[in-house]
Amino acid sequence: MTPASVAAAFAVGVVLAILLFLAVVSYNAVMSLRQRIDKAWANIDVALKQRHDQLPALVSAVRGLMSFEQDVLTDVAKARAAYSPTEPIPEQAVHAEETSRAVRSLFAVVEAYPQVKADANVLDLQNEIERLEGMIADRRELYNDQVYRYNTRISTLPTMVLAPLFGWRQRPYFAADPSDLARPSTEL
C-alpha cells in the first residue's frame, strides 16, 4: 500500500466517522424532541380530562339557580359532549377552544346573578375550572414550543436528510383553524 492510498483511506474513514456522528446526534435530538412532544401532549390531555370531568358538576350547581339561561348551559353541555381524546390534535384543539368559549360565556352569565355568584359550591367549581383553563393554556404553549422545535429540526440540515429515512413528519400544533373559530353570522 502506498502512502497516498493510506492517506486517502484515512480521509474517507474520517469523513464517514463525521457523517455517522452527525447522523447519531441528529437522530438522538429528534427522538428527544418527540418524547418532549408526547409528554407535553399527555399533560394537556390530563388537564382537558379534568376540565371535562368538572363541567357537569358546574352545570348542575348552576342549573337550578339560573333557570332563565338554559341556552348557556346547553352550549357548555354540547361543547363538553364534543370532546373526544381519540380525535386528531387539530380537532381536539377546536373542541377545546369551543369549550373554553362556552365556559367563559357561562362565567359571564354567572356574574349577572348575585345568588349564583355567592354560592360557595359554584365559586369553588368556577375557581377550579379557571385554574384548569390556565393550565391548559400554559401546557398548550409548551406543547406548541416543542412542536416548533421538532418541526424546525426535521426541516433543516443535516436532519432533513434523515427525516424521510425514518418517516419523520411535521407534527400539528395545538391550535384551532381560524375558520373553525369564526363566530357565526347572526344577520338574516
N, C-alpha and C. Protein backbone atom coordinates (compact mmCIF):
# COMPACT_ATOMS: atom_id res chain seq x y z
N MET A 1 0.83 -1.18 0.00
CA MET A 1 0.00 0.00 0.00
C MET A 1 0.87 1.24 0.00
N THR A 2 0.51 2.14 -0.82
CA THR A 2 1.28 3.37 -0.91
C THR A 2 0.82 4.36 0.15
N PRO A 3 1.68 5.27 0.50
CA PRO A 3 1.27 6.28 1.48
C PRO A 3 0.06 7.10 1.02
N ALA A 4 -0.06 7.32 -0.27
CA ALA A 4 -1.21 8.09 -0.79
C ALA A 4 -2.51 7.33 -0.59
N SER A 5 -2.50 6.02 -0.80
CA SER A 5 -3.74 5.24 -0.62
C SER A 5 -4.11 5.13 0.85
N VAL A 6 -3.10 5.07 1.73
CA VAL A 6 -3.36 5.05 3.17
C VAL A 6 -3.98 6.37 3.60
N ALA A 7 -3.45 7.47 3.10
CA ALA A 7 -3.97 8.80 3.44
C ALA A 7 -5.39 8.96 2.91
N ALA A 8 -5.65 8.45 1.72
CA ALA A 8 -7.00 8.54 1.13
C ALA A 8 -7.98 7.70 1.94
N ALA A 9 -7.57 6.50 2.34
CA ALA A 9 -8.44 5.64 3.15
C ALA A 9 -8.71 6.28 4.50
N PHE A 10 -7.66 6.90 5.08
CA PHE A 10 -7.85 7.58 6.36
C PHE A 10 -8.82 8.75 6.22
N ALA A 11 -8.68 9.53 5.16
CA ALA A 11 -9.56 10.68 4.92
C ALA A 11 -11.01 10.22 4.74
N VAL A 12 -11.20 9.15 3.98
CA VAL A 12 -12.55 8.61 3.78
C VAL A 12 -13.11 8.12 5.13
N GLY A 13 -12.27 7.47 5.92
CA GLY A 13 -12.70 7.00 7.24
C GLY A 13 -13.11 8.14 8.15
N VAL A 14 -12.34 9.24 8.12
CA VAL A 14 -12.67 10.41 8.94
C VAL A 14 -13.99 11.02 8.49
N VAL A 15 -14.17 11.15 7.19
CA VAL A 15 -15.43 11.72 6.66
C VAL A 15 -16.61 10.83 7.04
N LEU A 16 -16.47 9.51 6.92
CA LEU A 16 -17.55 8.60 7.31
C LEU A 16 -17.83 8.67 8.80
N ALA A 17 -16.78 8.80 9.61
CA ALA A 17 -16.98 8.92 11.06
C ALA A 17 -17.71 10.21 11.40
N ILE A 18 -17.38 11.30 10.72
CA ILE A 18 -18.06 12.58 10.96
C ILE A 18 -19.53 12.47 10.55
N LEU A 19 -19.79 11.87 9.39
CA LEU A 19 -21.17 11.71 8.93
C LEU A 19 -21.98 10.82 9.88
N LEU A 20 -21.36 9.76 10.35
CA LEU A 20 -22.03 8.88 11.31
C LEU A 20 -22.31 9.62 12.61
N PHE A 21 -21.34 10.39 13.07
CA PHE A 21 -21.52 11.18 14.29
C PHE A 21 -22.69 12.16 14.11
N LEU A 22 -22.73 12.88 12.99
CA LEU A 22 -23.83 13.82 12.74
C LEU A 22 -25.18 13.11 12.68
N ALA A 23 -25.21 11.94 12.08
CA ALA A 23 -26.46 11.18 11.99
C ALA A 23 -26.93 10.74 13.38
N VAL A 24 -26.03 10.26 14.20
CA VAL A 24 -26.40 9.81 15.55
C VAL A 24 -26.86 10.99 16.40
N VAL A 25 -26.14 12.09 16.36
CA VAL A 25 -26.52 13.28 17.14
C VAL A 25 -27.88 13.79 16.68
N SER A 26 -28.10 13.86 15.38
CA SER A 26 -29.38 14.34 14.85
C SER A 26 -30.52 13.40 15.23
N TYR A 27 -30.29 12.11 15.11
CA TYR A 27 -31.31 11.13 15.48
C TYR A 27 -31.68 11.27 16.95
N ASN A 28 -30.69 11.36 17.81
CA ASN A 28 -30.95 11.49 19.24
C ASN A 28 -31.69 12.78 19.57
N ALA A 29 -31.35 13.86 18.90
CA ALA A 29 -32.02 15.14 19.14
C ALA A 29 -33.50 15.06 18.73
N VAL A 30 -33.77 14.44 17.61
CA VAL A 30 -35.16 14.30 17.16
C VAL A 30 -35.94 13.38 18.10
N MET A 31 -35.33 12.29 18.52
CA MET A 31 -36.02 11.38 19.46
C MET A 31 -36.33 12.09 20.78
N SER A 32 -35.42 12.91 21.23
CA SER A 32 -35.64 13.68 22.46
C SER A 32 -36.82 14.65 22.27
N LEU A 33 -36.85 15.32 21.16
CA LEU A 33 -37.97 16.25 20.89
C LEU A 33 -39.29 15.51 20.78
N ARG A 34 -39.29 14.36 20.16
CA ARG A 34 -40.53 13.57 20.05
C ARG A 34 -41.04 13.18 21.44
N GLN A 35 -40.12 12.79 22.32
CA GLN A 35 -40.52 12.45 23.68
C GLN A 35 -41.07 13.65 24.43
N ARG A 36 -40.46 14.80 24.23
CA ARG A 36 -40.96 16.03 24.87
C ARG A 36 -42.35 16.39 24.36
N ILE A 37 -42.58 16.22 23.06
CA ILE A 37 -43.89 16.50 22.49
C ILE A 37 -44.93 15.55 23.09
N ASP A 38 -44.59 14.28 23.17
CA ASP A 38 -45.53 13.30 23.73
C ASP A 38 -45.84 13.61 25.19
N LYS A 39 -44.82 13.99 25.94
CA LYS A 39 -45.03 14.34 27.35
C LYS A 39 -45.89 15.59 27.47
N ALA A 40 -45.61 16.60 26.66
CA ALA A 40 -46.40 17.83 26.71
C ALA A 40 -47.85 17.55 26.33
N TRP A 41 -48.05 16.69 25.33
CA TRP A 41 -49.43 16.36 24.94
C TRP A 41 -50.14 15.60 26.07
N ALA A 42 -49.45 14.69 26.71
CA ALA A 42 -50.06 13.95 27.82
C ALA A 42 -50.49 14.91 28.93
N ASN A 43 -49.70 15.95 29.19
CA ASN A 43 -50.07 16.94 30.20
C ASN A 43 -51.31 17.74 29.78
N ILE A 44 -51.40 18.08 28.51
CA ILE A 44 -52.60 18.77 28.02
C ILE A 44 -53.81 17.85 28.17
N ASP A 45 -53.63 16.61 27.78
CA ASP A 45 -54.73 15.65 27.83
C ASP A 45 -55.26 15.49 29.25
N VAL A 46 -54.38 15.47 30.23
CA VAL A 46 -54.80 15.35 31.63
C VAL A 46 -55.65 16.56 32.02
N ALA A 47 -55.20 17.76 31.67
CA ALA A 47 -55.95 18.97 32.02
C ALA A 47 -57.30 19.01 31.29
N LEU A 48 -57.32 18.59 30.03
CA LEU A 48 -58.60 18.56 29.29
C LEU A 48 -59.57 17.58 29.94
N LYS A 49 -59.07 16.43 30.35
CA LYS A 49 -59.94 15.44 31.01
C LYS A 49 -60.44 15.95 32.36
N GLN A 50 -59.57 16.63 33.10
CA GLN A 50 -60.00 17.19 34.38
C GLN A 50 -61.10 18.23 34.17
N ARG A 51 -60.92 19.10 33.19
CA ARG A 51 -61.96 20.09 32.89
C ARG A 51 -63.23 19.40 32.45
N HIS A 52 -63.09 18.39 31.62
CA HIS A 52 -64.23 17.62 31.13
C HIS A 52 -65.01 17.02 32.29
N ASP A 53 -64.31 16.54 33.30
CA ASP A 53 -64.95 15.93 34.47
C ASP A 53 -65.60 16.97 35.39
N GLN A 54 -65.08 18.19 35.42
CA GLN A 54 -65.61 19.22 36.30
C GLN A 54 -66.85 19.93 35.73
N LEU A 55 -66.99 19.95 34.42
CA LEU A 55 -68.09 20.71 33.81
C LEU A 55 -69.47 20.23 34.22
N PRO A 56 -69.76 18.93 34.30
CA PRO A 56 -71.11 18.53 34.72
C PRO A 56 -71.45 19.02 36.13
N ALA A 57 -70.47 19.01 37.02
CA ALA A 57 -70.72 19.48 38.38
C ALA A 57 -71.06 20.97 38.38
N LEU A 58 -70.36 21.75 37.56
CA LEU A 58 -70.65 23.18 37.48
C LEU A 58 -72.02 23.43 36.88
N VAL A 59 -72.33 22.72 35.81
CA VAL A 59 -73.65 22.88 35.18
C VAL A 59 -74.75 22.50 36.17
N SER A 60 -74.57 21.43 36.90
CA SER A 60 -75.58 21.00 37.88
C SER A 60 -75.74 22.02 38.99
N ALA A 61 -74.64 22.57 39.46
CA ALA A 61 -74.70 23.55 40.55
C ALA A 61 -75.38 24.84 40.11
N VAL A 62 -75.22 25.18 38.84
CA VAL A 62 -75.77 26.44 38.33
C VAL A 62 -77.18 26.28 37.79
N ARG A 63 -77.53 25.10 37.32
CA ARG A 63 -78.79 24.87 36.63
C ARG A 63 -80.01 25.35 37.43
N GLY A 64 -80.10 24.97 38.69
CA GLY A 64 -81.26 25.36 39.49
C GLY A 64 -81.30 26.84 39.81
N LEU A 65 -80.14 27.47 39.86
CA LEU A 65 -80.08 28.88 40.23
C LEU A 65 -80.26 29.81 39.03
N MET A 66 -80.09 29.27 37.82
CA MET A 66 -80.19 30.09 36.60
C MET A 66 -81.23 29.50 35.65
N SER A 67 -82.46 29.54 36.05
CA SER A 67 -83.50 28.90 35.23
C SER A 67 -83.73 29.63 33.91
N PHE A 68 -83.30 30.89 33.79
CA PHE A 68 -83.57 31.66 32.58
C PHE A 68 -82.45 31.57 31.54
N GLU A 69 -81.35 30.96 31.87
CA GLU A 69 -80.19 30.93 30.98
C GLU A 69 -79.85 29.52 30.51
N GLN A 70 -80.86 28.76 30.15
CA GLN A 70 -80.64 27.36 29.77
C GLN A 70 -79.81 27.23 28.49
N ASP A 71 -79.89 28.22 27.60
CA ASP A 71 -79.11 28.12 26.36
C ASP A 71 -77.61 28.14 26.64
N VAL A 72 -77.17 28.89 27.64
CA VAL A 72 -75.75 28.92 28.01
C VAL A 72 -75.33 27.56 28.56
N LEU A 73 -76.18 26.97 29.37
CA LEU A 73 -75.88 25.65 29.93
C LEU A 73 -75.86 24.59 28.82
N THR A 74 -76.76 24.74 27.88
CA THR A 74 -76.80 23.81 26.74
C THR A 74 -75.51 23.92 25.92
N ASP A 75 -75.02 25.14 25.73
CA ASP A 75 -73.77 25.33 24.98
C ASP A 75 -72.60 24.64 25.68
N VAL A 76 -72.55 24.75 27.00
CA VAL A 76 -71.48 24.10 27.76
C VAL A 76 -71.60 22.58 27.62
N ALA A 77 -72.82 22.08 27.74
CA ALA A 77 -73.04 20.63 27.62
C ALA A 77 -72.67 20.13 26.23
N LYS A 78 -73.02 20.88 25.19
CA LYS A 78 -72.67 20.48 23.82
C LYS A 78 -71.16 20.49 23.61
N ALA A 79 -70.51 21.52 24.12
CA ALA A 79 -69.05 21.61 23.97
C ALA A 79 -68.38 20.45 24.70
N ARG A 80 -68.88 20.12 25.87
CA ARG A 80 -68.32 19.00 26.63
C ARG A 80 -68.52 17.70 25.88
N ALA A 81 -69.71 17.51 25.31
CA ALA A 81 -70.01 16.27 24.59
C ALA A 81 -69.15 16.11 23.34
N ALA A 82 -68.70 17.20 22.76
CA ALA A 82 -67.91 17.13 21.53
C ALA A 82 -66.48 16.67 21.79
N TYR A 83 -66.03 16.73 23.03
CA TYR A 83 -64.66 16.34 23.37
C TYR A 83 -64.46 14.84 23.18
N SER A 84 -63.38 14.48 22.51
CA SER A 84 -63.02 13.07 22.34
C SER A 84 -61.49 12.98 22.35
N PRO A 85 -60.94 12.28 23.32
CA PRO A 85 -59.48 12.19 23.39
C PRO A 85 -58.85 11.38 22.26
N THR A 86 -59.66 10.71 21.47
CA THR A 86 -59.11 9.91 20.38
C THR A 86 -59.05 10.67 19.06
N GLU A 87 -59.59 11.87 19.01
CA GLU A 87 -59.54 12.65 17.78
C GLU A 87 -58.13 13.16 17.52
N PRO A 88 -57.85 13.49 16.26
CA PRO A 88 -56.54 14.10 15.97
C PRO A 88 -56.40 15.44 16.72
N ILE A 89 -55.18 15.85 16.94
CA ILE A 89 -54.91 17.04 17.74
C ILE A 89 -55.60 18.29 17.19
N PRO A 90 -55.62 18.56 15.89
CA PRO A 90 -56.30 19.78 15.44
C PRO A 90 -57.80 19.80 15.80
N GLU A 91 -58.47 18.66 15.72
CA GLU A 91 -59.89 18.62 16.09
C GLU A 91 -60.06 18.80 17.60
N GLN A 92 -59.15 18.23 18.38
CA GLN A 92 -59.21 18.42 19.82
C GLN A 92 -59.00 19.89 20.17
N ALA A 93 -58.14 20.56 19.42
CA ALA A 93 -57.90 21.99 19.67
C ALA A 93 -59.17 22.79 19.41
N VAL A 94 -59.88 22.45 18.34
CA VAL A 94 -61.14 23.15 18.04
C VAL A 94 -62.14 22.94 19.16
N HIS A 95 -62.30 21.71 19.61
CA HIS A 95 -63.26 21.41 20.68
C HIS A 95 -62.83 22.06 22.00
N ALA A 96 -61.54 22.09 22.26
CA ALA A 96 -61.05 22.72 23.49
C ALA A 96 -61.35 24.21 23.47
N GLU A 97 -61.16 24.85 22.32
CA GLU A 97 -61.46 26.28 22.21
C GLU A 97 -62.96 26.54 22.33
N GLU A 98 -63.78 25.69 21.73
CA GLU A 98 -65.23 25.84 21.85
C GLU A 98 -65.67 25.68 23.30
N THR A 99 -65.08 24.72 24.00
CA THR A 99 -65.41 24.51 25.41
C THR A 99 -64.98 25.72 26.24
N SER A 100 -63.79 26.24 25.98
CA SER A 100 -63.32 27.42 26.70
C SER A 100 -64.26 28.60 26.46
N ARG A 101 -64.68 28.77 25.22
CA ARG A 101 -65.59 29.87 24.89
C ARG A 101 -66.92 29.70 25.62
N ALA A 102 -67.45 28.47 25.66
CA ALA A 102 -68.72 28.22 26.34
C ALA A 102 -68.58 28.46 27.85
N VAL A 103 -67.46 28.06 28.41
CA VAL A 103 -67.23 28.26 29.85
C VAL A 103 -67.12 29.76 30.15
N ARG A 104 -66.40 30.51 29.31
CA ARG A 104 -66.30 31.96 29.52
C ARG A 104 -67.68 32.61 29.45
N SER A 105 -68.50 32.15 28.53
CA SER A 105 -69.86 32.67 28.41
C SER A 105 -70.66 32.36 29.67
N LEU A 106 -70.51 31.14 30.18
CA LEU A 106 -71.21 30.76 31.40
C LEU A 106 -70.74 31.62 32.58
N PHE A 107 -69.45 31.85 32.69
CA PHE A 107 -68.93 32.67 33.78
C PHE A 107 -69.45 34.11 33.68
N ALA A 108 -69.58 34.61 32.45
CA ALA A 108 -70.12 35.97 32.27
C ALA A 108 -71.57 36.03 32.74
N VAL A 109 -72.34 35.00 32.45
CA VAL A 109 -73.73 34.96 32.89
C VAL A 109 -73.81 34.83 34.41
N VAL A 110 -72.94 34.02 34.99
CA VAL A 110 -72.92 33.84 36.44
C VAL A 110 -72.71 35.18 37.14
N GLU A 111 -71.88 36.04 36.54
CA GLU A 111 -71.62 37.36 37.14
C GLU A 111 -72.90 38.18 37.27
N ALA A 112 -73.89 37.94 36.41
CA ALA A 112 -75.13 38.71 36.43
C ALA A 112 -76.12 38.21 37.48
N TYR A 113 -75.84 37.09 38.11
CA TYR A 113 -76.75 36.51 39.10
C TYR A 113 -76.07 36.51 40.48
N PRO A 114 -76.42 37.47 41.33
CA PRO A 114 -75.77 37.55 42.64
C PRO A 114 -75.94 36.28 43.49
N GLN A 115 -77.11 35.64 43.40
CA GLN A 115 -77.31 34.44 44.22
C GLN A 115 -76.43 33.29 43.72
N VAL A 116 -76.14 33.26 42.43
CA VAL A 116 -75.25 32.22 41.89
C VAL A 116 -73.80 32.55 42.25
N LYS A 117 -73.45 33.83 42.09
CA LYS A 117 -72.09 34.26 42.41
C LYS A 117 -71.73 34.00 43.87
N ALA A 118 -72.72 34.08 44.74
CA ALA A 118 -72.48 33.92 46.16
C ALA A 118 -72.46 32.46 46.61
N ASP A 119 -72.93 31.55 45.79
CA ASP A 119 -72.98 30.14 46.16
C ASP A 119 -71.56 29.58 46.25
N ALA A 120 -71.22 29.03 47.42
CA ALA A 120 -69.85 28.54 47.66
C ALA A 120 -69.47 27.41 46.72
N ASN A 121 -70.39 26.50 46.46
CA ASN A 121 -70.10 25.38 45.56
C ASN A 121 -69.79 25.88 44.15
N VAL A 122 -70.59 26.84 43.68
CA VAL A 122 -70.37 27.41 42.34
C VAL A 122 -69.02 28.12 42.30
N LEU A 123 -68.71 28.88 43.34
CA LEU A 123 -67.42 29.59 43.39
C LEU A 123 -66.25 28.61 43.36
N ASP A 124 -66.35 27.55 44.14
CA ASP A 124 -65.28 26.55 44.15
C ASP A 124 -65.10 25.91 42.78
N LEU A 125 -66.21 25.53 42.15
CA LEU A 125 -66.14 24.92 40.82
C LEU A 125 -65.61 25.91 39.79
N GLN A 126 -66.07 27.15 39.89
CA GLN A 126 -65.61 28.18 38.96
C GLN A 126 -64.10 28.39 39.12
N ASN A 127 -63.62 28.46 40.34
CA ASN A 127 -62.18 28.63 40.57
C ASN A 127 -61.38 27.45 40.03
N GLU A 128 -61.90 26.24 40.23
CA GLU A 128 -61.21 25.05 39.73
C GLU A 128 -61.15 25.05 38.21
N ILE A 129 -62.24 25.38 37.57
CA ILE A 129 -62.25 25.39 36.10
C ILE A 129 -61.36 26.51 35.57
N GLU A 130 -61.36 27.67 36.22
CA GLU A 130 -60.45 28.74 35.81
C GLU A 130 -58.99 28.30 35.96
N ARG A 131 -58.69 27.58 37.03
CA ARG A 131 -57.34 27.05 37.22
C ARG A 131 -56.98 26.09 36.10
N LEU A 132 -57.93 25.22 35.75
CA LEU A 132 -57.68 24.25 34.67
C LEU A 132 -57.53 24.96 33.33
N GLU A 133 -58.31 26.01 33.09
CA GLU A 133 -58.18 26.77 31.84
C GLU A 133 -56.77 27.37 31.74
N GLY A 134 -56.27 27.89 32.85
CA GLY A 134 -54.91 28.43 32.87
C GLY A 134 -53.87 27.36 32.61
N MET A 135 -54.08 26.19 33.21
CA MET A 135 -53.15 25.07 32.98
C MET A 135 -53.16 24.65 31.52
N ILE A 136 -54.34 24.58 30.93
CA ILE A 136 -54.44 24.18 29.52
C ILE A 136 -53.69 25.17 28.65
N ALA A 137 -53.87 26.47 28.92
CA ALA A 137 -53.18 27.49 28.13
C ALA A 137 -51.67 27.38 28.28
N ASP A 138 -51.19 27.18 29.50
CA ASP A 138 -49.74 27.05 29.72
C ASP A 138 -49.19 25.80 29.05
N ARG A 139 -49.91 24.72 29.19
CA ARG A 139 -49.44 23.46 28.61
C ARG A 139 -49.51 23.49 27.09
N ARG A 140 -50.51 24.18 26.54
CA ARG A 140 -50.60 24.31 25.09
C ARG A 140 -49.39 25.08 24.57
N GLU A 141 -48.98 26.12 25.29
CA GLU A 141 -47.82 26.89 24.88
C GLU A 141 -46.56 26.03 24.88
N LEU A 142 -46.38 25.24 25.93
CA LEU A 142 -45.22 24.35 26.00
C LEU A 142 -45.26 23.31 24.87
N TYR A 143 -46.42 22.72 24.64
CA TYR A 143 -46.56 21.73 23.57
C TYR A 143 -46.21 22.36 22.22
N ASN A 144 -46.79 23.52 21.94
CA ASN A 144 -46.54 24.16 20.65
C ASN A 144 -45.08 24.56 20.49
N ASP A 145 -44.42 24.93 21.59
CA ASP A 145 -42.99 25.24 21.52
C ASP A 145 -42.18 24.00 21.15
N GLN A 146 -42.52 22.86 21.75
CA GLN A 146 -41.80 21.63 21.43
C GLN A 146 -42.07 21.20 19.98
N VAL A 147 -43.31 21.37 19.52
CA VAL A 147 -43.63 21.04 18.12
C VAL A 147 -42.86 21.95 17.18
N TYR A 148 -42.76 23.23 17.53
CA TYR A 148 -41.98 24.16 16.71
C TYR A 148 -40.53 23.70 16.60
N ARG A 149 -39.94 23.34 17.72
CA ARG A 149 -38.54 22.89 17.73
C ARG A 149 -38.37 21.62 16.89
N TYR A 150 -39.30 20.69 17.05
CA TYR A 150 -39.24 19.43 16.30
C TYR A 150 -39.39 19.70 14.80
N ASN A 151 -40.42 20.45 14.43
CA ASN A 151 -40.66 20.73 13.01
C ASN A 151 -39.48 21.47 12.39
N THR A 152 -38.88 22.38 13.14
CA THR A 152 -37.71 23.09 12.64
C THR A 152 -36.53 22.14 12.48
N ARG A 153 -36.33 21.28 13.46
CA ARG A 153 -35.20 20.35 13.43
C ARG A 153 -35.27 19.42 12.22
N ILE A 154 -36.47 18.86 11.95
CA ILE A 154 -36.54 17.89 10.86
C ILE A 154 -36.59 18.56 9.48
N SER A 155 -36.70 19.88 9.46
CA SER A 155 -36.71 20.55 8.16
C SER A 155 -35.42 21.32 7.88
N THR A 156 -34.40 21.10 8.70
CA THR A 156 -33.11 21.75 8.47
C THR A 156 -32.01 20.69 8.35
N LEU A 157 -30.91 21.10 7.72
CA LEU A 157 -29.78 20.19 7.56
C LEU A 157 -29.09 19.97 8.88
N PRO A 158 -28.55 18.86 9.17
CA PRO A 158 -28.48 17.64 8.39
C PRO A 158 -29.67 16.70 8.60
N THR A 159 -30.57 17.06 9.52
CA THR A 159 -31.65 16.15 9.88
C THR A 159 -32.65 15.94 8.75
N MET A 160 -32.82 16.94 7.89
CA MET A 160 -33.79 16.78 6.81
C MET A 160 -33.41 15.63 5.86
N VAL A 161 -32.16 15.25 5.86
CA VAL A 161 -31.73 14.11 5.05
C VAL A 161 -32.21 12.81 5.70
N LEU A 162 -32.24 12.79 7.03
CA LEU A 162 -32.65 11.59 7.75
C LEU A 162 -34.18 11.47 7.85
N ALA A 163 -34.89 12.58 7.81
CA ALA A 163 -36.34 12.57 8.03
C ALA A 163 -37.08 11.58 7.14
N PRO A 164 -36.84 11.56 5.84
CA PRO A 164 -37.56 10.58 5.01
C PRO A 164 -37.17 9.13 5.34
N LEU A 165 -35.92 8.92 5.74
CA LEU A 165 -35.47 7.56 6.06
C LEU A 165 -36.18 7.00 7.28
N PHE A 166 -36.47 7.86 8.25
CA PHE A 166 -37.10 7.42 9.49
C PHE A 166 -38.59 7.73 9.55
N GLY A 167 -39.12 8.33 8.50
CA GLY A 167 -40.55 8.63 8.47
C GLY A 167 -40.96 9.78 9.38
N TRP A 168 -40.04 10.69 9.65
CA TRP A 168 -40.38 11.83 10.50
C TRP A 168 -41.19 12.83 9.70
N ARG A 169 -42.34 13.19 10.22
CA ARG A 169 -43.22 14.15 9.56
C ARG A 169 -43.52 15.31 10.52
N GLN A 170 -43.90 16.41 9.93
CA GLN A 170 -44.28 17.58 10.74
C GLN A 170 -45.40 17.19 11.70
N ARG A 171 -45.35 17.68 12.92
CA ARG A 171 -46.39 17.46 13.91
C ARG A 171 -47.33 18.66 13.91
N PRO A 172 -48.62 18.43 14.17
CA PRO A 172 -49.56 19.56 14.18
C PRO A 172 -49.47 20.34 15.50
N TYR A 173 -49.69 21.63 15.39
CA TYR A 173 -49.76 22.47 16.58
C TYR A 173 -51.12 22.26 17.25
N PHE A 174 -51.18 22.56 18.53
CA PHE A 174 -52.46 22.51 19.25
C PHE A 174 -53.09 23.88 19.11
N ALA A 175 -53.68 24.09 17.96
CA ALA A 175 -54.32 25.37 17.65
C ALA A 175 -55.49 25.10 16.73
N ALA A 176 -56.56 25.80 16.97
CA ALA A 176 -57.73 25.64 16.12
C ALA A 176 -57.52 26.41 14.83
N ASP A 177 -58.07 25.89 13.76
CA ASP A 177 -58.07 26.58 12.48
C ASP A 177 -58.88 27.86 12.64
N PRO A 178 -58.35 29.02 12.23
CA PRO A 178 -59.10 30.26 12.41
C PRO A 178 -60.52 30.22 11.82
N SER A 179 -60.72 29.48 10.74
CA SER A 179 -62.06 29.39 10.16
C SER A 179 -63.01 28.63 11.09
N ASP A 180 -62.48 27.72 11.90
CA ASP A 180 -63.32 26.98 12.85
C ASP A 180 -63.72 27.84 14.04
N LEU A 181 -62.96 28.91 14.28
CA LEU A 181 -63.23 29.77 15.43
C LEU A 181 -64.08 30.98 15.08
N ALA A 182 -64.36 31.17 13.80
CA ALA A 182 -65.14 32.34 13.39
C ALA A 182 -66.54 32.27 14.00
N ARG A 183 -66.97 33.41 14.48
CA ARG A 183 -68.32 33.46 15.04
C ARG A 183 -69.32 33.41 13.90
N PRO A 184 -70.38 32.64 14.08
CA PRO A 184 -71.39 32.58 13.03
C PRO A 184 -72.12 33.91 12.91
N SER A 185 -72.52 34.21 11.71
CA SER A 185 -73.25 35.45 11.47
C SER A 185 -74.64 35.37 12.08
N THR A 186 -75.06 36.46 12.71
CA THR A 186 -76.40 36.50 13.31
C THR A 186 -77.34 37.34 12.48
N GLU A 187 -76.85 37.84 11.35
CA GLU A 187 -77.70 38.66 10.48
C GLU A 187 -78.53 37.76 9.59
N LEU A 188 -79.74 38.23 9.31
CA LEU A 188 -80.63 37.46 8.43
C LEU A 188 -80.44 37.83 6.99
